[in-house]
Amino acid sequence: MSKKKKKNKINEGHYLELMDRLYMIMNNIEDHTITHPLTNDKRFKKVKKKIQKGQSILYDAYAMVAHLDVKHND
């Protein structure tokens, strides 16, 4: 018999934790792909734009979590 997994309850620390993880990913994207020599070569401009778009979407997610954190703590 398998036990049913209990759903973890969201606590205050989860917001900051997710924001931190998103920040780490965005920072890794910056440090390891956007600043990479290939993405700074004009022949790879489209590649860089795609990577920056992905980073921008993660930034939007970060901002959404921050907003939800403020709402949760009001």
PDB file of N, CA and C in Angstrom:
ATOM      1  N   MET A   1       0.829  -1.194   0.000  1.00  0.00           N
ATOM      2  CA  MET A   1       0.000   0.000   0.000  1.00  0.00           C
ATOM      3  C   MET A   1       0.868   1.249   0.000  1.00  0.00           C
ATOM      4  N   SER A   2       0.481   2.201  -0.813  1.00  0.00           N
ATOM      5  CA  SER A   2       1.230   3.463  -0.818  1.00  0.00           C
ATOM      6  C   SER A   2       0.511   4.495   0.035  1.00  0.00           C
ATOM      7  N   LYS A   3       1.319   5.258   0.732  1.00  0.00           N
ATOM      8  CA  LYS A   3       0.756   6.323   1.561  1.00  0.00           C
ATOM      9  C   LYS A   3       0.520   7.547   0.691  1.00  0.00           C
ATOM     10  N   LYS A   4      -0.567   8.236   0.966  1.00  0.00           N
ATOM     11  CA  LYS A   4      -0.834   9.481   0.252  1.00  0.00           C
ATOM     12  C   LYS A   4       0.104  10.548   0.796  1.00  0.00           C
ATOM     13  N   LYS A   5       0.671  11.313  -0.118  1.00  0.00           N
ATOM     14  CA  LYS A   5       1.536  12.408   0.308  1.00  0.00           C
ATOM     15  C   LYS A   5       0.683  13.544   0.836  1.00  0.00           C
ATOM     16  N   LYS A   6       1.139  14.091   1.962  1.00  0.00           N
ATOM     17  CA  LYS A   6       0.456  15.260   2.502  1.00  0.00           C
ATOM     18  C   LYS A   6       0.913  16.484   1.724  1.00  0.00           C
ATOM     19  N   LYS A   7      -0.025  17.342   1.439  1.00  0.00           N
ATOM     20  CA  LYS A   7       0.303  18.570   0.742  1.00  0.00           C
ATOM     21  C   LYS A   7       0.964  19.528   1.731  1.00  0.00           C
ATOM     22  N   ASN A   8       2.153  20.012   1.362  1.00  0.00           N
ATOM     23  CA  ASN A   8       2.851  20.949   2.240  1.00  0.00           C
ATOM     24  C   ASN A   8       2.106  22.273   2.294  1.00  0.00           C
ATOM     25  N   LYS A   9       1.960  22.786   3.492  1.00  0.00           N
ATOM     26  CA  LYS A   9       1.318  24.082   3.642  1.00  0.00           C
ATOM     27  C   LYS A   9       2.339  25.173   3.348  1.00  0.00           C
ATOM     28  N   ILE A  10       1.870  26.218   2.706  1.00  0.00           N
ATOM     29  CA  ILE A  10       2.741  27.344   2.384  1.00  0.00           C
ATOM     30  C   ILE A  10       2.940  28.172   3.651  1.00  0.00           C
ATOM     31  N   ASN A  11       4.210  28.493   3.915  1.00  0.00           N
ATOM     32  CA  ASN A  11       4.498  29.368   5.046  1.00  0.00           C
ATOM     33  C   ASN A  11       5.246  30.595   4.545  1.00  0.00           C
ATOM     34  N   GLU A  12       5.491  31.555   5.435  1.00  0.00           N
ATOM     35  CA  GLU A  12       6.128  32.818   5.048  1.00  0.00           C
ATOM     36  C   GLU A  12       7.484  32.612   4.387  1.00  0.00           C
ATOM     37  N   GLY A  13       8.237  31.637   4.829  1.00  0.00           N
ATOM     38  CA  GLY A  13       9.562  31.398   4.292  1.00  0.00           C
ATOM     39  C   GLY A  13       9.581  30.923   2.849  1.00  0.00           C
ATOM     40  N   HIS A  14       8.487  30.338   2.392  1.00  0.00           N
ATOM     41  CA  HIS A  14       8.433  29.821   1.027  1.00  0.00           C
ATOM     42  C   HIS A  14       8.554  30.933  -0.018  1.00  0.00           C
ATOM     43  N   TYR A  15       7.994  32.099   0.272  1.00  0.00           N
ATOM     44  CA  TYR A  15       8.054  33.212  -0.680  1.00  0.00           C
ATOM     45  C   TYR A  15       9.506  33.643  -0.900  1.00  0.00           C
ATOM     46  N   LEU A  16      10.185  33.922   0.193  1.00  0.00           N
ATOM     47  CA  LEU A  16      11.579  34.350   0.110  1.00  0.00           C
ATOM     48  C   LEU A  16      12.454  33.260  -0.512  1.00  0.00           C
ATOM     49  N   GLU A  17      12.170  32.022  -0.168  1.00  0.00           N
ATOM     50  CA  GLU A  17      12.938  30.900  -0.709  1.00  0.00           C
ATOM     51  C   GLU A  17      12.803  30.832  -2.239  1.00  0.00           C
ATOM     52  N   LEU A  18      11.584  30.956  -2.743  1.00  0.00           N
ATOM     53  CA  LEU A  18      11.380  30.911  -4.189  1.00  0.00           C
ATOM     54  C   LEU A  18      12.012  32.121  -4.864  1.00  0.00           C
ATOM     55  N   MET A  19      11.886  33.290  -4.240  1.00  0.00           N
ATOM     56  CA  MET A  19      12.516  34.482  -4.801  1.00  0.00           C
ATOM     57  C   MET A  19      14.027  34.304  -4.869  1.00  0.00           C
ATOM     58  N   ASP A  20      14.611  33.718  -3.848  1.00  0.00           N
ATOM     59  CA  ASP A  20      16.046  33.483  -3.826  1.00  0.00           C
ATOM     60  C   ASP A  20      16.455  32.528  -4.943  1.00  0.00           C
ATOM     61  N   ARG A  21      15.698  31.476  -5.138  1.00  0.00           N
ATOM     62  CA  ARG A  21      16.019  30.500  -6.189  1.00  0.00           C
ATOM     63  C   ARG A  21      15.877  31.108  -7.580  1.00  0.00           C
ATOM     64  N   LEU A  22      14.848  31.923  -7.764  1.00  0.00           N
ATOM     65  CA  LEU A  22      14.692  32.601  -9.051  1.00  0.00           C
ATOM     66  C   LEU A  22      15.863  33.551  -9.293  1.00  0.00           C
ATOM     67  N   TYR A  23      16.265  34.277  -8.264  1.00  0.00           N
ATOM     68  CA  TYR A  23      17.401  35.189  -8.385  1.00  0.00           C
ATOM     69  C   TYR A  23      18.666  34.422  -8.771  1.00  0.00           C
ATOM     70  N   MET A  24      18.883  33.291  -8.125  1.00  0.00           N
ATOM     71  CA  MET A  24      20.074  32.495  -8.430  1.00  0.00           C
ATOM     72  C   MET A  24      20.076  32.053  -9.895  1.00  0.00           C
ATOM     73  N   ILE A  25      18.931  31.633 -10.398  1.00  0.00           N
ATOM     74  CA  ILE A  25      18.829  31.205 -11.793  1.00  0.00           C
ATOM     75  C   ILE A  25      19.083  32.385 -12.732  1.00  0.00           C
ATOM     76  N   MET A  26      18.459  33.537 -12.428  1.00  0.00           N
ATOM     77  CA  MET A  26      18.658  34.718 -13.270  1.00  0.00           C
ATOM     78  C   MET A  26      20.125  35.144 -13.266  1.00  0.00           C
ATOM     79  N   ASN A  27      20.761  35.078 -12.107  1.00  0.00           N
ATOM     80  CA  ASN A  27      22.165  35.447 -11.996  1.00  0.00           C
ATOM     81  C   ASN A  27      23.045  34.464 -12.773  1.00  0.00           C
ATOM     82  N   ASN A  28      22.738  33.176 -12.704  1.00  0.00           N
ATOM     83  CA  ASN A  28      23.483  32.177 -13.477  1.00  0.00           C
ATOM     84  C   ASN A  28      23.328  32.409 -14.976  1.00  0.00           C
ATOM     85  N   ILE A  29      22.118  32.742 -15.402  1.00  0.00           N
ATOM     86  CA  ILE A  29      21.889  33.039 -16.819  1.00  0.00           C
ATOM     87  C   ILE A  29      22.764  34.217 -17.244  1.00  0.00           C
ATOM     88  N   GLU A  30      22.799  35.245 -16.422  1.00  0.00           N
ATOM     89  CA  GLU A  30      23.626  36.424 -16.725  1.00  0.00           C
ATOM     90  C   GLU A  30      25.109  36.052 -16.798  1.00  0.00           C
ATOM     91  N   ASP A  31      25.575  35.392 -15.760  1.00  0.00           N
ATOM     92  CA  ASP A  31      27.004  35.089 -15.639  1.00  0.00           C
ATOM     93  C   ASP A  31      27.519  34.066 -16.640  1.00  0.00           C
ATOM     94  N   HIS A  32      26.677  33.123 -17.024  1.00  0.00           N
ATOM     95  CA  HIS A  32      27.177  32.006 -17.821  1.00  0.00           C
ATOM     96  C   HIS A  32      26.663  31.944 -19.253  1.00  0.00           C
ATOM     97  N   THR A  33      25.670  32.751 -19.585  1.00  0.00           N
ATOM     98  CA  THR A  33      25.187  32.705 -20.971  1.00  0.00           C
ATOM     99  C   THR A  33      25.155  34.094 -21.623  1.00  0.00           C
ATOM    100  N   ILE A  34      24.576  35.070 -20.946  1.00  0.00           N
ATOM    101  CA  ILE A  34      24.469  36.404 -21.550  1.00  0.00           C
ATOM    102  C   ILE A  34      25.846  37.039 -21.727  1.00  0.00           C
ATOM    103  N   THR A  35      26.746  36.790 -20.808  1.00  0.00           N
ATOM    104  CA  THR A  35      28.088  37.369 -20.916  1.00  0.00           C
ATOM    105  C   THR A  35      29.070  36.439 -21.635  1.00  0.00           C
ATOM    106  N   HIS A  36      28.584  35.339 -22.148  1.00  0.00           N
ATOM    107  CA  HIS A  36      29.448  34.385 -22.864  1.00  0.00           C
ATOM    108  C   HIS A  36      29.949  35.020 -24.165  1.00  0.00           C
ATOM    109  N   PRO A  37      31.188  34.720 -24.563  1.00  0.00           N
ATOM    110  CA  PRO A  37      31.731  35.314 -25.789  1.00  0.00           C
ATOM    111  C   PRO A  37      30.862  35.101 -27.038  1.00  0.00           C
ATOM    112  N   LEU A  38      30.247  33.945 -27.191  1.00  0.00           N
ATOM    113  CA  LEU A  38      29.400  33.723 -28.371  1.00  0.00           C
ATOM    114  C   LEU A  38      28.185  34.645 -28.381  1.00  0.00           C
ATOM    115  N   THR A  39      27.561  34.818 -27.239  1.00  0.00           N
ATOM    116  CA  THR A  39      26.354  35.652 -27.211  1.00  0.00           C
ATOM    117  C   THR A  39      26.692  37.130 -27.362  1.00  0.00           C
ATOM    118  N   ASN A  40      27.955  37.480 -27.220  1.00  0.00           N
ATOM    119  CA  ASN A  40      28.364  38.867 -27.423  1.00  0.00           C
ATOM    120  C   ASN A  40      28.935  39.106 -28.815  1.00  0.00           C
ATOM    121  N   ASP A  41      28.896  38.079 -29.627  1.00  0.00           N
ATOM    122  CA  ASP A  41      29.295  38.201 -31.026  1.00  0.00           C
ATOM    123  C   ASP A  41      28.028  38.560 -31.817  1.00  0.00           C
ATOM    124  N   LYS A  42      28.132  39.572 -32.671  1.00  0.00           N
ATOM    125  CA  LYS A  42      26.932  40.037 -33.379  1.00  0.00           C
ATOM    126  C   LYS A  42      26.270  38.957 -34.235  1.00  0.00           C
ATOM    127  N   ARG A  43      27.017  37.915 -34.601  1.00  0.00           N
ATOM    128  CA  ARG A  43      26.427  36.815 -35.373  1.00  0.00           C
ATOM    129  C   ARG A  43      25.435  36.000 -34.538  1.00  0.00           C
ATOM    130  N   PHE A  44      25.511  36.125 -33.215  1.00  0.00           N
ATOM    131  CA  PHE A  44      24.650  35.355 -32.316  1.00  0.00           C
ATOM    132  C   PHE A  44      23.639  36.246 -31.588  1.00  0.00           C
ATOM    133  N   LYS A  45      23.327  37.375 -32.225  1.00  0.00           N
ATOM    134  CA  LYS A  45      22.414  38.350 -31.624  1.00  0.00           C
ATOM    135  C   LYS A  45      21.044  37.729 -31.303  1.00  0.00           C
ATOM    136  N   LYS A  46      20.542  36.881 -32.202  1.00  0.00           N
ATOM    137  CA  LYS A  46      19.224  36.257 -31.994  1.00  0.00           C
ATOM    138  C   LYS A  46      19.251  35.295 -30.795  1.00  0.00           C
ATOM    139  N   VAL A  47      20.363  34.602 -30.645  1.00  0.00           N
ATOM    140  CA  VAL A  47      20.508  33.694 -29.503  1.00  0.00           C
ATOM    141  C   VAL A  47      20.475  34.497 -28.203  1.00  0.00           C
ATOM    142  N   LYS A  48      21.235  35.582 -28.175  1.00  0.00           N
ATOM    143  CA  LYS A  48      21.284  36.420 -26.971  1.00  0.00           C
ATOM    144  C   LYS A  48      19.898  36.971 -26.638  1.00  0.00           C
ATOM    145  N   LYS A  49      19.173  37.407 -27.660  1.00  0.00           N
ATOM    146  CA  LYS A  49      17.817  37.941 -27.442  1.00  0.00           C
ATOM    147  C   LYS A  49      16.902  36.889 -26.809  1.00  0.00           C
ATOM    148  N   LYS A  50      16.993  35.653 -27.271  1.00  0.00           N
ATOM    149  CA  LYS A  50      16.173  34.564 -26.712  1.00  0.00           C
ATOM    150  C   LYS A  50      16.528  34.325 -25.242  1.00  0.00           C
ATOM    151  N   ILE A  51      17.813  34.315 -24.950  1.00  0.00           N
ATOM    152  CA  ILE A  51      18.249  34.104 -23.567  1.00  0.00           C
ATOM    153  C   ILE A  51      17.766  35.253 -22.682  1.00  0.00           C
ATOM    154  N   GLN A  52      17.895  36.474 -23.184  1.00  0.00           N
ATOM    155  CA  GLN A  52      17.438  37.637 -22.417  1.00  0.00           C
ATOM    156  C   GLN A  52      15.928  37.603 -22.210  1.00  0.00           C
ATOM    157  N   LYS A  53      15.196  37.105 -23.190  1.00  0.00           N
ATOM    158  CA  LYS A  53      13.738  36.987 -23.051  1.00  0.00           C
ATOM    159  C   LYS A  53      13.406  35.999 -21.932  1.00  0.00           C
ATOM    160  N   GLY A  54      14.122  34.879 -21.900  1.00  0.00           N
ATOM    161  CA  GLY A  54      13.910  33.910 -20.822  1.00  0.00           C
ATOM    162  C   GLY A  54      14.215  34.505 -19.462  1.00  0.00           C
ATOM    163  N   GLN A  55      15.296  35.263 -19.387  1.00  0.00           N
ATOM    164  CA  GLN A  55      15.657  35.912 -18.129  1.00  0.00           C
ATOM    165  C   GLN A  55      14.584  36.928 -17.725  1.00  0.00           C
ATOM    166  N   SER A  56      14.058  37.638 -18.683  1.00  0.00           N
ATOM    167  CA  SER A  56      13.009  38.623 -18.416  1.00  0.00           C
ATOM    168  C   SER A  56      11.739  37.954 -17.869  1.00  0.00           C
ATOM    169  N   ILE A  57      11.397  36.802 -18.416  1.00  0.00           N
ATOM    170  CA  ILE A  57      10.228  36.056 -17.922  1.00  0.00           C
ATOM    171  C   ILE A  57      10.453  35.608 -16.480  1.00  0.00           C
ATOM    172  N   LEU A  58      11.666  35.172 -16.170  1.00  0.00           N
ATOM    173  CA  LEU A  58      11.981  34.794 -14.786  1.00  0.00           C
ATOM    174  C   LEU A  58      11.904  36.008 -13.862  1.00  0.00           C
ATOM    175  N   TYR A  59      12.336  37.163 -14.353  1.00  0.00           N
ATOM    176  CA  TYR A  59      12.226  38.385 -13.548  1.00  0.00           C
ATOM    177  C   TYR A  59      10.760  38.692 -13.257  1.00  0.00           C
ATOM    178  N   ASP A  60       9.911  38.525 -14.254  1.00  0.00           N
ATOM    179  CA  ASP A  60       8.472  38.738 -14.044  1.00  0.00           C
ATOM    180  C   ASP A  60       7.930  37.788 -12.978  1.00  0.00           C
ATOM    181  N   ALA A  61       8.358  36.533 -13.018  1.00  0.00           N
ATOM    182  CA  ALA A  61       7.930  35.554 -12.013  1.00  0.00           C
ATOM    183  C   ALA A  61       8.410  35.977 -10.630  1.00  0.00           C
ATOM    184  N   TYR A  62       9.648  36.458 -10.553  1.00  0.00           N
ATOM    185  CA  TYR A  62      10.214  36.950  -9.293  1.00  0.00           C
ATOM    186  C   TYR A  62       9.349  38.081  -8.728  1.00  0.00           C
ATOM    187  N   ALA A  63       9.002  39.033  -9.592  1.00  0.00           N
ATOM    188  CA  ALA A  63       8.177  40.167  -9.168  1.00  0.00           C
ATOM    189  C   ALA A  63       6.791  39.710  -8.709  1.00  0.00           C
ATOM    190  N   MET A  64       6.234  38.722  -9.386  1.00  0.00           N
ATOM    191  CA  MET A  64       4.925  38.197  -8.991  1.00  0.00           C
ATOM    192  C   MET A  64       4.977  37.562  -7.606  1.00  0.00           C
ATOM    193  N   VAL A  65       6.022  36.792  -7.346  1.00  0.00           N
ATOM    194  CA  VAL A  65       6.170  36.155  -6.033  1.00  0.00           C
ATOM    195  C   VAL A  65       6.348  37.218  -4.954  1.00  0.00           C
ATOM    196  N   ALA A  66       7.131  38.254  -5.263  1.00  0.00           N
ATOM    197  CA  ALA A  66       7.322  39.346  -4.294  1.00  0.00           C
ATOM    198  C   ALA A  66       5.989  40.015  -3.991  1.00  0.00           C
ATOM    199  N   HIS A  67       5.185  40.237  -5.015  1.00  0.00           N
ATOM    200  CA  HIS A  67       3.866  40.850  -4.823  1.00  0.00           C
ATOM    201  C   HIS A  67       2.958  39.939  -3.969  1.00  0.00           C
ATOM    202  N   LEU A  68       2.990  38.661  -4.254  1.00  0.00           N
ATOM    203  CA  LEU A  68       2.175  37.715  -3.482  1.00  0.00           C
ATOM    204  C   LEU A  68       2.646  37.642  -2.016  1.00  0.00           C
ATOM    205  N   ASP A  69       3.946  37.802  -1.810  1.00  0.00           N
ATOM    206  CA  ASP A  69       4.487  37.810  -0.447  1.00  0.00           C
ATOM    207  C   ASP A  69       3.938  39.005   0.331  1.00  0.00           C
ATOM    208  N   VAL A  70       3.956  40.153  -0.293  1.00  0.00           N
ATOM    209  CA  VAL A  70       3.432  41.377   0.363  1.00  0.00           C
ATOM    210  C   VAL A  70       1.952  41.193   0.673  1.00  0.00           C
ATOM    211  N   LYS A  71       1.207  40.667  -0.308  1.00  0.00           N
ATOM    212  CA  LYS A  71      -0.231  40.430  -0.128  1.00  0.00           C
ATOM    213  C   LYS A  71      -0.487  39.433   1.001  1.00  0.00           C
ATOM    214  N   HIS A  72       0.327  38.389   1.074  1.00  0.00           N
ATOM    215  CA  HIS A  72       0.182  37.348   2.086  1.00  0.00           C
ATOM    216  C   HIS A  72       0.434  37.888   3.481  1.00  0.00           C
ATOM    217  N   ASN A  73       1.376  38.821   3.585  1.00  0.00           N
ATOM    218  CA  ASN A  73       1.760  39.358   4.888  1.00  0.00           C
ATOM    219  C   ASN A  73       0.921  40.560   5.342  1.00  0.00           C
ATOM    220  N   ASP A  74       0.002  41.015   4.509  1.00  0.00           N
ATOM    221  CA  ASP A  74      -0.882  42.126   4.910  1.00  0.00           C
ATOM    222  C   ASP A  74      -2.008  41.653   5.792  1.00  0.00           C
TER     223      ASP A  74
END
